[in-house]
Protein backbone atom coordinates (compact mmCIF):
# COMPACT_ATOMS: atom_id res chain seq x y z
CA MET A 1 -54.63 6.51 -2.88
CA ASN A 2 -51.73 7.38 -0.57
CA LYS A 3 -48.08 6.60 -1.28
CA GLY A 4 -48.04 3.32 0.68
CA GLN A 5 -51.21 2.05 -1.02
CA PHE A 6 -49.63 2.76 -4.42
CA LEU A 7 -46.40 0.82 -3.68
CA VAL A 8 -48.11 -2.51 -2.88
CA PRO A 9 -49.66 -3.11 -6.32
CA LEU A 10 -46.45 -1.81 -7.97
CA VAL A 11 -44.37 -4.47 -6.20
CA ILE A 12 -46.85 -7.16 -7.26
CA ILE A 13 -46.64 -6.00 -10.88
CA LEU A 14 -42.82 -6.04 -10.80
CA LEU A 15 -42.74 -9.53 -9.34
CA PHE A 16 -45.17 -10.71 -12.03
CA PHE A 17 -43.07 -9.35 -14.85
CA GLU A 18 -39.86 -10.74 -13.29
CA GLY A 19 -41.40 -14.19 -13.47
CA ALA A 20 -42.80 -13.57 -16.92
CA PHE A 21 -39.39 -12.63 -18.32
CA PRO A 22 -36.85 -15.17 -17.04
CA GLN A 23 -33.12 -14.37 -17.04
CA ALA A 24 -31.46 -14.65 -20.44
CA THR A 25 -29.22 -17.70 -20.79
CA ARG A 26 -26.89 -19.45 -23.21
CA THR A 27 -26.57 -23.19 -23.67
CA GLU A 28 -23.32 -24.97 -22.91
CA LYS A 29 -22.63 -28.69 -22.70
CA ASP A 30 -20.13 -31.11 -21.20
CA LEU A 31 -19.96 -34.89 -20.88
CA LEU A 32 -23.02 -34.86 -18.59
CA GLY A 33 -25.17 -32.98 -21.09
CA GLU A 34 -26.46 -29.49 -21.75
CA LYS A 35 -26.91 -26.76 -19.16
CA GLN A 36 -28.26 -23.22 -19.21
CA ILE A 37 -25.72 -20.59 -18.18
CA PRO A 38 -26.64 -16.94 -17.39
CA ALA A 39 -25.94 -15.01 -20.58
CA ASP A 40 -23.89 -12.37 -18.79
CA ALA A 41 -21.74 -14.92 -16.91
CA TYR A 42 -18.11 -15.34 -17.93
CA TYR A 43 -17.95 -18.77 -16.34
CA GLY A 44 -19.25 -21.85 -18.13
CA VAL A 45 -20.88 -25.23 -17.68
CA GLN A 46 -18.30 -26.88 -15.43
CA THR A 47 -18.24 -23.92 -13.09
CA ALA A 48 -22.05 -23.98 -13.01
CA ARG A 49 -22.01 -27.64 -11.92
CA ALA A 50 -19.48 -26.85 -9.21
CA LEU A 51 -21.70 -24.03 -7.93
CA GLU A 52 -24.46 -26.61 -7.47
CA ASN A 53 -22.28 -29.34 -5.99
CA PHE A 54 -20.04 -27.43 -3.58
CA GLN A 55 -22.20 -25.04 -1.61
CA VAL A 56 -20.16 -25.69 1.50
CA SER A 57 -18.32 -22.87 3.25
CA GLY A 58 -19.43 -19.76 1.42
CA MET A 59 -15.72 -18.95 1.03
CA LEU A 60 -15.35 -18.38 -2.69
CA THR A 61 -12.26 -18.16 -4.86
CA LYS A 62 -12.87 -14.44 -5.40
CA PHE A 63 -12.39 -13.76 -1.68
CA TYR A 64 -8.63 -14.24 -2.19
CA PRO A 65 -7.65 -11.76 -4.92
CA ASP A 66 -4.03 -12.96 -5.04
CA TYR A 67 -5.25 -16.51 -5.61
CA VAL A 68 -7.33 -15.31 -8.58
CA LYS A 69 -4.34 -13.36 -9.91
CA ALA A 70 -2.18 -16.46 -9.52
CA TYR A 71 -4.47 -18.38 -11.91
CA ALA A 72 -4.11 -15.62 -14.49
CA MET A 73 -0.31 -15.63 -14.08
CA VAL A 74 -0.08 -19.40 -14.53
CA LYS A 75 -2.40 -19.39 -17.56
CA MET A 76 -0.44 -16.53 -19.14
CA ALA A 77 2.83 -18.41 -18.60
CA ALA A 78 1.32 -21.57 -20.09
CA ALA A 79 0.02 -19.73 -23.16
CA ARG A 80 3.40 -18.07 -23.74
CA ALA A 81 5.21 -21.38 -23.31
CA ASN A 82 2.87 -23.11 -25.77
CA THR A 83 3.54 -20.33 -28.25
CA ASP A 84 7.30 -20.65 -27.65
CA VAL A 85 7.18 -24.33 -28.66
CA GLY A 86 5.04 -23.60 -31.72
CA ARG A 87 1.77 -25.08 -30.51
CA MET A 88 -0.34 -21.94 -29.94
CA SER A 89 -0.86 -19.23 -32.53
CA LYS A 90 0.29 -15.70 -31.74
CA GLU A 91 -3.27 -14.48 -32.40
CA LYS A 92 -4.69 -16.72 -29.66
CA LEU A 93 -1.80 -15.86 -27.37
CA SER A 94 -2.54 -12.16 -27.76
CA ALA A 95 -6.19 -12.63 -26.80
CA ILE A 96 -5.37 -14.87 -23.83
CA GLU A 97 -2.64 -12.53 -22.61
CA LYS A 98 -5.05 -9.60 -22.61
CA ALA A 99 -7.63 -11.61 -20.67
CA CYS A 100 -5.03 -12.76 -18.14
CA GLN A 101 -3.67 -9.25 -17.69
CA ALA A 102 -7.17 -7.92 -17.04
CA VAL A 103 -7.59 -10.45 -14.22
CA ILE A 104 -4.11 -9.68 -12.86
CA ASP A 105 -5.19 -6.03 -12.83
CA GLY A 106 -8.17 -6.92 -10.63
CA LYS A 107 -10.97 -7.22 -13.18
CA TYR A 108 -13.52 -10.05 -13.50
CA HIS A 109 -12.75 -11.41 -10.02
CA ASP A 110 -16.49 -11.60 -9.33
CA GLN A 111 -16.66 -14.49 -11.82
CA PHE A 112 -14.38 -16.76 -9.77
CA LEU A 113 -17.18 -18.27 -7.73
CA VAL A 114 -16.24 -21.85 -6.88
CA ASP A 115 -16.26 -22.67 -3.17
CA LEU A 116 -12.75 -23.15 -1.82
CA TYR A 117 -13.92 -26.40 -0.23
CA GLN A 118 -14.36 -28.87 -3.09
CA GLY A 119 -13.74 -32.43 -4.17
CA GLY A 120 -11.87 -33.35 -7.32
CA ALA A 121 -8.36 -32.14 -6.42
CA GLY A 122 -9.11 -28.63 -7.67
CA THR A 123 -10.62 -29.45 -11.08
CA SER A 124 -13.55 -27.11 -10.51
CA ALA A 125 -11.26 -24.22 -9.58
CA ASN A 126 -9.08 -24.82 -12.64
CA MET A 127 -12.08 -25.00 -14.98
CA ASN A 128 -13.56 -21.86 -13.43
CA ALA A 129 -10.33 -20.07 -14.44
CA ASN A 130 -10.27 -21.68 -17.90
CA GLU A 131 -13.88 -20.73 -18.66
CA VAL A 132 -13.66 -17.17 -17.37
CA LEU A 133 -10.41 -16.43 -19.18
CA ALA A 134 -11.70 -17.99 -22.41
CA ASN A 135 -14.87 -15.90 -22.36
CA VAL A 136 -13.04 -12.70 -21.43
CA ALA A 137 -10.64 -13.33 -24.32
CA LEU A 138 -13.56 -13.98 -26.69
CA GLU A 139 -15.32 -10.80 -25.69
CA MET A 140 -12.13 -8.77 -26.05
CA LYS A 141 -11.78 -10.15 -29.58
CA GLY A 142 -15.31 -8.98 -30.40
CA ASN A 143 -16.90 -12.42 -30.13
CA LYS A 144 -19.71 -13.65 -27.94
CA LYS A 145 -19.31 -15.57 -24.72
CA GLY A 146 -19.49 -19.29 -25.38
CA GLU A 147 -18.11 -19.16 -28.94
CA TYR A 148 -15.63 -21.86 -28.06
CA THR A 149 -14.80 -22.76 -31.66
CA ILE A 150 -12.61 -19.65 -31.56
CA ILE A 151 -11.07 -19.91 -28.08
CA GLU A 152 -11.88 -23.04 -26.06
CA PRO A 153 -11.49 -23.49 -22.28
CA HIS A 154 -9.92 -26.96 -22.60
CA ASP A 155 -8.05 -26.92 -25.88
CA ASP A 156 -6.62 -23.42 -25.50
CA LEU A 157 -6.66 -22.29 -21.86
CA ASN A 158 -5.75 -25.79 -20.66
CA MET A 159 -3.38 -26.63 -23.53
CA GLY A 160 -0.66 -29.03 -22.40
CA GLN A 161 -1.98 -28.84 -18.87
CA SER A 162 -3.94 -30.73 -16.25
CA THR A 163 -5.54 -29.61 -13.01
CA ASN A 164 -2.86 -31.74 -11.41
CA ASP A 165 -0.09 -29.36 -12.45
CA VAL A 166 -2.06 -26.12 -12.78
CA TYR A 167 -3.72 -26.26 -9.35
CA PRO A 168 -0.60 -26.85 -7.19
CA THR A 169 1.41 -24.35 -9.25
CA THR A 170 -1.31 -21.74 -8.81
CA ILE A 171 -1.40 -22.36 -5.08
CA HIS A 172 2.38 -22.01 -4.94
CA VAL A 173 2.14 -18.62 -6.65
CA ALA A 174 -0.75 -17.50 -4.44
CA LEU A 175 1.12 -18.48 -1.27
CA ILE A 176 4.21 -16.63 -2.47
CA LEU A 177 2.16 -13.48 -3.11
CA HIS A 178 0.55 -13.82 0.33
CA ASN A 179 3.91 -14.49 1.96
CA ASP A 180 5.19 -11.12 0.77
CA LYS A 181 2.32 -9.51 2.69
CA VAL A 182 2.83 -11.61 5.83
CA VAL A 183 6.58 -10.88 5.88
CA LYS A 184 6.01 -7.16 5.34
CA GLU A 185 3.57 -6.92 8.27
CA ALA A 186 5.73 -9.10 10.51
CA LYS A 187 8.76 -6.89 9.81
CA GLU A 188 6.81 -3.79 10.77
CA LEU A 189 5.66 -5.51 13.97
CA ALA A 190 9.25 -6.43 14.83
CA ALA A 191 10.29 -2.83 14.19
CA ALA A 192 7.58 -1.62 16.58
CA PHE A 193 8.94 -3.90 19.32
CA HIS A 194 12.50 -2.70 18.61
CA LYS A 195 11.32 0.90 18.94
CA LYS A 196 9.88 0.13 22.38
CA GLY A 197 13.12 -1.62 23.23
CA ASP A 198 15.12 1.49 22.36
CA ALA A 199 12.76 3.70 24.36
CA TYR A 200 13.21 1.64 27.54
CA ALA A 201 16.81 0.54 27.06
CA LYS A 202 17.91 1.70 30.54
CA THR A 203 14.81 0.89 32.56
CA LEU A 204 15.52 -1.96 34.97
CA LYS A 205 13.08 -4.73 35.79
CA MET A 206 13.17 -8.26 37.13
CA GLY A 207 13.35 -11.06 34.66
CA ARG A 208 11.30 -14.16 35.44
CA THR A 209 11.69 -17.85 34.77
CA GLU A 210 8.85 -20.27 35.44
CA GLY A 211 6.87 -17.29 36.72
CA GLN A 212 9.39 -16.69 39.52
CA ASP A 213 11.85 -13.83 40.04
CA ALA A 214 15.10 -14.64 38.26
CA VAL A 215 17.69 -11.96 37.52
CA PRO A 216 17.54 -8.29 36.51
CA MET A 217 17.18 -7.17 32.92
CA THR A 218 15.95 -4.04 31.19
CA VAL A 219 12.53 -3.48 29.72
CA GLY A 220 14.40 -2.70 26.52
CA GLN A 221 16.00 -6.13 26.50
CA GLU A 222 12.60 -7.73 26.95
CA PHE A 223 11.07 -5.86 24.01
CA HIS A 224 14.11 -6.36 21.79
CA GLY A 225 13.78 -10.04 22.67
CA PHE A 226 10.21 -10.04 21.40
CA ALA A 227 11.35 -8.35 18.19
CA ASN A 228 14.16 -10.83 17.61
CA GLN A 229 11.83 -13.78 18.12
CA ILE A 230 9.59 -12.38 15.39
CA GLU A 231 12.58 -11.81 13.12
CA GLY A 232 13.57 -15.44 13.60
CA ALA A 233 10.09 -16.48 12.47
CA ILE A 234 10.37 -14.13 9.48
CA ASP A 235 13.65 -15.78 8.51
CA ALA A 236 11.93 -19.18 8.53
CA LEU A 237 9.11 -17.83 6.32
CA VAL A 238 11.59 -16.43 3.80
CA LYS A 239 13.59 -19.65 3.70
CA SER A 240 10.50 -21.86 3.42
CA GLU A 241 9.25 -19.80 0.47
CA ALA A 242 12.06 -21.38 -1.56
CA TYR A 243 10.16 -24.69 -1.48
CA LEU A 244 7.28 -22.98 -3.27
CA TYR A 245 9.48 -21.85 -6.16
CA GLU A 246 9.68 -25.41 -7.47
CA ILE A 247 6.67 -26.19 -9.70
CA ASN A 248 5.37 -29.14 -11.70
CA MET A 249 3.94 -27.41 -14.78
CA GLY A 250 4.23 -29.83 -17.69
CA ALA A 251 3.61 -32.81 -15.44
CA THR A 252 -0.03 -32.92 -16.62
CA ALA A 253 -1.94 -35.82 -15.07
CA ILE A 254 0.64 -37.69 -12.99
CA GLY A 255 4.06 -36.35 -13.99
CA THR A 256 4.73 -38.18 -17.25
CA GLY A 257 3.96 -35.07 -19.30
CA ILE A 258 1.29 -36.65 -21.50
CA THR A 259 -0.34 -34.04 -23.86
CA ALA A 260 2.42 -31.49 -23.18
CA SER A 261 4.78 -30.55 -26.02
CA PRO A 262 8.55 -31.12 -25.76
CA GLY A 263 10.24 -28.15 -24.10
CA TYR A 264 6.95 -26.74 -22.83
CA ALA A 265 7.59 -27.53 -19.15
CA GLU A 266 10.93 -25.72 -19.05
CA LYS A 267 9.53 -22.75 -21.00
CA CYS A 268 6.53 -22.53 -18.67
CA ALA A 269 8.72 -22.30 -15.57
CA THR A 270 10.84 -19.61 -17.23
CA ARG A 271 7.79 -17.63 -18.30
CA LEU A 272 6.20 -17.88 -14.86
CA ALA A 273 9.42 -16.59 -13.28
CA GLU A 274 9.27 -13.59 -15.61
CA ILE A 275 5.63 -12.87 -14.79
CA THR A 276 5.88 -13.27 -11.00
CA GLY A 277 9.34 -11.82 -10.54
CA LYS A 278 10.18 -14.86 -8.42
CA PRO A 279 12.82 -17.55 -9.17
CA MET A 280 10.35 -20.24 -10.21
CA THR A 281 12.01 -23.47 -11.33
CA LEU A 282 10.85 -26.78 -12.78
CA SER A 283 10.96 -29.75 -10.44
CA LYS A 284 13.59 -32.33 -11.35
CA ASP A 285 11.06 -35.13 -10.75
CA LEU A 286 7.55 -34.24 -11.94
CA ILE A 287 6.03 -37.48 -10.68
CA ALA A 288 7.33 -36.80 -7.17
CA ALA A 289 6.27 -33.16 -7.36
CA THR A 290 2.74 -34.07 -8.47
CA SER A 291 2.12 -36.66 -5.77
CA SER A 292 3.90 -34.99 -2.85
CA MET A 293 2.81 -32.06 -0.69
CA GLN A 294 6.27 -31.41 0.78
CA ALA A 295 6.42 -27.75 -0.24
CA PHE A 296 3.09 -27.06 1.46
CA VAL A 297 4.08 -28.96 4.60
CA MET A 298 7.35 -27.04 4.87
CA TYR A 299 5.76 -23.64 4.36
CA SER A 300 2.89 -24.46 6.71
CA ALA A 301 5.42 -25.35 9.40
CA ALA A 302 6.98 -21.91 9.02
CA ILE A 303 3.67 -20.09 9.25
CA LYS A 304 2.84 -22.20 12.32
CA ASN A 305 6.19 -21.18 13.81
CA LEU A 306 5.15 -17.54 13.43
CA ALA A 307 1.87 -18.41 15.18
CA VAL A 308 3.68 -20.07 18.08
CA THR A 309 5.98 -17.05 18.39
CA LEU A 310 3.21 -14.44 18.32
CA SER A 311 1.04 -16.44 20.71
CA LYS A 312 3.88 -16.71 23.22
CA ILE A 313 4.51 -12.96 23.01
CA SER A 314 0.80 -12.17 23.32
CA LYS A 315 0.53 -14.25 26.49
CA ASP A 316 3.58 -12.47 27.90
CA LEU A 317 1.98 -9.08 27.25
CA ILE A 318 -1.25 -10.18 28.93
CA PHE A 319 0.73 -11.32 31.97
CA LEU A 320 2.88 -8.17 32.12
CA ALA A 321 -0.23 -5.98 32.01
CA SER A 322 -2.26 -8.09 34.44
CA GLY A 323 -4.14 -6.37 37.26
CA PRO A 324 -3.99 -3.47 37.31
CA ARG A 325 -4.15 -3.41 41.11
CA THR A 326 -3.72 -7.09 41.89
CA GLY A 327 -1.53 -8.24 39.01
CA ILE A 328 2.09 -7.49 38.21
CA PHE A 329 1.09 -4.39 36.18
CA GLU A 330 4.52 -3.68 34.71
CA ILE A 331 3.13 -2.36 31.43
CA ASN A 332 -0.03 -0.65 30.23
CA LEU A 333 -1.79 -1.86 27.11
CA PRO A 334 -3.86 0.77 25.26
CA PRO A 335 -7.46 0.76 26.62
CA LEU A 336 -9.65 0.07 23.59
CA GLN A 337 -13.10 -0.77 24.94
CA PRO A 338 -14.99 -1.57 28.17
CA GLY A 339 -14.22 -5.10 29.23
CA SER A 340 -17.38 -6.16 30.98
CA SER A 341 -21.12 -5.79 30.86
CA ILE A 342 -21.30 -6.18 34.65
CA MET A 343 -17.96 -5.03 36.15
CA PRO A 344 -17.48 -1.23 35.94
CA GLY A 345 -14.01 0.00 35.09
CA LYS A 346 -12.76 -3.32 33.74
CA VAL A 347 -10.67 -3.13 30.54
CA ASN A 348 -9.49 -6.37 28.91
CA PRO A 349 -6.36 -7.07 26.84
CA VAL A 350 -8.46 -7.60 23.71
CA MET A 351 -5.69 -7.21 21.13
CA PRO A 352 -3.33 -9.86 22.55
CA GLU A 353 -6.40 -12.06 22.98
CA LEU A 354 -7.30 -11.53 19.32
CA MET A 355 -3.78 -12.40 18.27
CA ASN A 356 -3.84 -15.51 20.43
CA GLY A 357 -7.10 -16.67 18.86
CA VAL A 358 -5.72 -16.16 15.37
CA CYS A 359 -2.59 -18.09 16.30
CA TYR A 360 -4.66 -21.00 17.61
CA LYS A 361 -6.49 -21.15 14.27
CA VAL A 362 -3.21 -21.10 12.35
CA MET A 363 -1.84 -23.94 14.48
CA GLY A 364 -4.99 -25.92 13.78
CA ASN A 365 -4.68 -25.21 10.07
CA ASP A 366 -1.17 -26.64 10.13
CA ALA A 367 -2.58 -29.85 11.58
CA THR A 368 -5.06 -29.96 8.68
CA VAL A 369 -2.19 -29.52 6.21
CA ALA A 370 -0.26 -32.39 7.80
CA ILE A 371 -3.19 -34.81 7.79
CA ALA A 372 -4.38 -33.93 4.28
CA SER A 373 -0.84 -34.12 2.90
CA ALA A 374 -0.26 -37.53 4.44
CA ASP A 375 -3.49 -38.92 2.98
CA GLY A 376 -2.65 -38.43 -0.69
CA LEU A 377 -2.99 -41.70 -2.62
CA LEU A 378 -0.34 -42.82 -5.10
CA GLN A 379 0.27 -40.28 -7.89
CA LEU A 380 -2.08 -37.49 -6.75
CA ASN A 381 -3.33 -35.92 -3.54
CA ALA A 382 -7.07 -35.32 -3.92
CA TYR A 383 -7.09 -33.22 -0.75
CA GLU A 384 -4.96 -30.39 -2.14
CA PRO A 385 -7.90 -27.92 -1.95
CA PHE A 386 -8.06 -28.41 1.80
CA VAL A 387 -4.31 -27.89 2.12
CA ALA A 388 -4.61 -24.73 0.03
CA VAL A 389 -7.54 -23.35 2.02
CA ALA A 390 -5.81 -23.99 5.33
CA ILE A 391 -2.59 -22.19 4.41
CA MET A 392 -4.24 -19.29 2.59
CA GLU A 393 -6.56 -18.75 5.53
CA SER A 394 -3.58 -18.66 7.90
CA GLN A 395 -1.77 -16.15 5.75
CA GLY A 396 -4.86 -13.99 5.36
CA LEU A 397 -5.50 -13.99 9.09
CA PHE A 398 -1.94 -12.85 9.73
CA PHE A 399 -1.57 -10.09 7.18
CA LYS A 400 -4.90 -8.67 8.31
CA THR A 401 -4.46 -9.09 12.08
CA ILE A 402 -0.78 -8.22 12.57
CA PRO A 403 -1.15 -4.54 11.54
CA ILE A 404 -4.17 -4.17 13.85
CA PHE A 405 -2.18 -5.74 16.69
CA ARG A 406 0.75 -3.42 16.01
CA LYS A 407 -1.23 -0.18 15.71
CA GLN A 408 -3.84 -0.85 18.40
CA CYS A 409 -1.58 -2.50 20.95
CA ILE A 410 2.21 -2.52 20.58
CA GLU A 411 2.73 1.08 19.49
CA GLY A 412 0.68 2.33 22.45
CA ILE A 413 2.33 0.32 25.23
CA THR A 414 3.69 2.30 28.18
CA ILE A 415 5.47 1.15 31.34
CA ASN A 416 4.84 1.68 35.05
CA GLU A 417 8.24 2.80 36.32
CA LYS A 418 7.25 3.01 39.99
CA VAL A 419 5.97 -0.56 39.91
CA LEU A 420 9.15 -1.77 38.22
CA GLN A 421 11.32 0.07 40.75
CA ASN A 422 9.35 -1.36 43.67
CA TYR A 423 9.85 -4.89 42.33
CA MET A 424 13.56 -4.26 41.91
CA ASN A 425 13.82 -3.03 45.50
CA ARG A 426 11.91 -5.97 46.93
CA SER A 427 12.97 -8.83 44.69
CA VAL A 428 15.18 -11.62 45.97
CA GLY A 429 16.32 -12.14 42.38
CA ILE A 430 18.96 -9.42 42.64
CA VAL A 431 21.08 -11.63 44.92
CA THR A 432 22.40 -13.47 41.87
CA ALA A 433 24.14 -10.28 40.80
CA LEU A 434 25.76 -10.11 44.28
CA ASN A 435 27.36 -13.56 44.02
CA PRO A 436 30.66 -12.26 42.56
CA VAL A 437 30.76 -9.53 45.24
CA LEU A 438 29.52 -11.08 48.49
CA GLY A 439 29.87 -14.78 47.71
CA TYR A 440 27.29 -17.51 47.30
CA ASP A 441 26.88 -18.36 51.02
CA LYS A 442 26.29 -14.76 52.06
CA THR A 443 23.83 -14.08 49.28
CA THR A 444 21.98 -17.31 50.10
CA GLU A 445 21.59 -16.10 53.72
CA LEU A 446 20.33 -12.75 52.47
CA ALA A 447 17.79 -14.42 50.18
CA LYS A 448 16.52 -16.64 52.98
CA GLU A 449 16.17 -13.74 55.41
CA ALA A 450 14.41 -11.60 52.80
CA LEU A 451 11.86 -14.31 52.13
CA GLN A 452 11.23 -14.89 55.84
CA SER A 453 11.06 -11.24 56.85
CA GLY A 454 9.34 -9.82 53.79
CA LYS A 455 12.11 -7.24 53.45
CA GLY A 456 13.86 -6.44 50.19
CA ILE A 457 17.45 -7.47 49.48
CA LEU A 458 18.63 -3.87 49.20
CA GLU A 459 16.87 -3.03 52.45
CA LEU A 460 18.78 -5.80 54.24
CA ILE A 461 22.07 -4.79 52.63
CA ARG A 462 21.60 -1.26 53.94
CA GLU A 463 20.61 -2.48 57.40
CA LYS A 464 23.68 -4.73 57.60
CA LYS A 465 25.91 -2.10 55.97
CA LEU A 466 27.24 -4.70 53.55
CA LEU A 467 27.62 -2.15 50.76
CA THR A 468 27.87 1.60 50.54
CA GLU A 469 25.29 3.70 48.71
CA GLN A 470 27.80 4.24 45.91
CA GLN A 471 28.34 0.50 45.62
CA ILE A 472 24.58 -0.06 45.52
CA LYS A 473 24.30 2.59 42.82
CA ASP A 474 27.07 0.90 40.84
CA LEU A 475 25.38 -2.48 41.36
CA LEU A 476 22.10 -1.17 39.91
CA ASP A 477 23.73 0.41 36.88
CA PRO A 478 21.63 -1.01 34.01
CA VAL A 479 24.65 -1.56 31.76
CA LYS A 480 26.66 -3.42 34.39
CA LEU A 481 23.71 -5.30 35.84
CA THR A 482 22.35 -6.59 32.54
CA SER A 483 25.48 -7.05 30.45
CA PRO A 484 26.37 -10.58 29.32
CA THR A 485 29.42 -10.69 31.62
CA GLY A 486 27.72 -9.11 34.63
CA PRO A 487 29.37 -7.16 37.46
CA THR A 488 32.64 -8.64 38.61
CA LYS A 489 33.90 -5.92 40.94
CA LEU A 490 32.45 -2.91 42.74
CA GLN A 491 34.28 0.29 43.59
CA GLU A 492 35.81 0.21 47.08
C-alpha cells in the first residue's frame, strides 16, 4: 500500500471517531430553558443564543480590541464602585478585577464573539462580556466555568447595571480609545504635509479657483494649506471627544437608577476616569443621557468633517498629478503599481483614490448615525448597536488607512519645476499682481491680448518694454508675490 492509499482509510477512521466522541459541553440555562455550551468556552447561554440569532455581518466584537478592552474597563469600574458603596465583597472584587485586567491586557478576546450587528440595544454584547468575565474570574479562583453560585454574570458582573447604561458607556470608552489613534495618525499626516510645505516654500506656482488660473502662490503655501485643513479637523475631533466623557452609568434601565445603590453612579464615573485616564463624568440627567444619542451624533459629525477634509485634499492631489503628458502634471505621486491591464505605462493615483473611497464610507456611516439616532423611541434607542458599528468602522478605517496614505503617497511626492515655471510664464493670472503697478485698465488689456494671441503675460511685458528685467525679477520674488499684502511698488 503506497502513502496515498494509506491516508484515505485513516481520514475515514478519524471522521468516524470525531462523530463517535462529540465535543464536551456543560449545561447552562436562562428564561428560555437549558442549552449546551462548549465546555472550554468562557461565554455562556445568552451569548450562545446570540451566536445563533445574529449571524449577520461576520464582524465580531473581538475584531475591535479596544471595544473589548472598554467592556473590561467599564466592568472593573462598576465592580469597584459597588465595593465602594458596600454592596460587593472585596473577595469578589479581587476576582473580577483580575479577570478584567486580563482582558484589558489582551487576553480572552477570542471569546467575544457576538456579531456587531444585533437587535436588543446591545444586550447580547453586554451579556457576552458578563459571561466571559464571570467565567474567567471563576477559573482564576480555581473554580470551574459555569459555577455561577460563586460568581454570577447577572448578579455580580451586572450588579447595579443595565445594558442601557453599560452599552453606551462602553461605546463611549471605545470611541475615546479609537479617537486617540485617529488623532495620532492625523497629526503625523499633517506633519508630513508641513514638511513638504517647508521643502517647497519658495517654489512659485499658479493658484486656481474654479479650475481657472487665479493668482500666484507657492507650492509650500499649498501644502501648508493642506496641513492646516487637517489640523482644523483634528481640533474638531479633540473638542468633540468631550461629549463622550459624559456617561450614564447608574442610570440602569431608563435613567431612574432602579437596582443601583445610592452613591454608586458617582463612584462609577470616578472609578472609570481613574481606569481610562480620561475625565469621565456622570451626566446631570440620566434619563436624557439614556434616551439621547447626542454625544454620538456630535462625534460622528467631527469624524465626517475629517473625511470631507481628506477627500477634498485627495481630489486636489489627483488633479495636480493628472496627465502626465496631457494633464497639469505639477506634482508626481509615488508610482506604486501598474494602472491598467490593457494600457502600457499607465500608473494610477491609487492612494488618493483609496483615501477617497474610505472617506465616502465614513460620510455614509455618519448618515447611518443620524438616522439611527433620530429613530430612538422614548426612553431608549434600540438602534445603538448600529450607531456604534458605524462610528467604530469609520475610526478603524481612518487609523489604518491614514498611515498608508502618508507613507505610500504624501512622503514621496515630488514637484515638476519646469512645468510650474512654464505655467507661471504663460498664465494670465499674474496680471492681478500687476494691478498696483500698471493699473487695472492696462493689465486688463494685457490679459485680453494674452488670451487672444496665446502669448504669456511676461512675454508681452517684455515685448512692450513695460517693465525692466530687474522689475520683472522683483515682481516674481516669491515673498513679495505671495505675501498677504502683495507688491505695492517696484524698484525704478
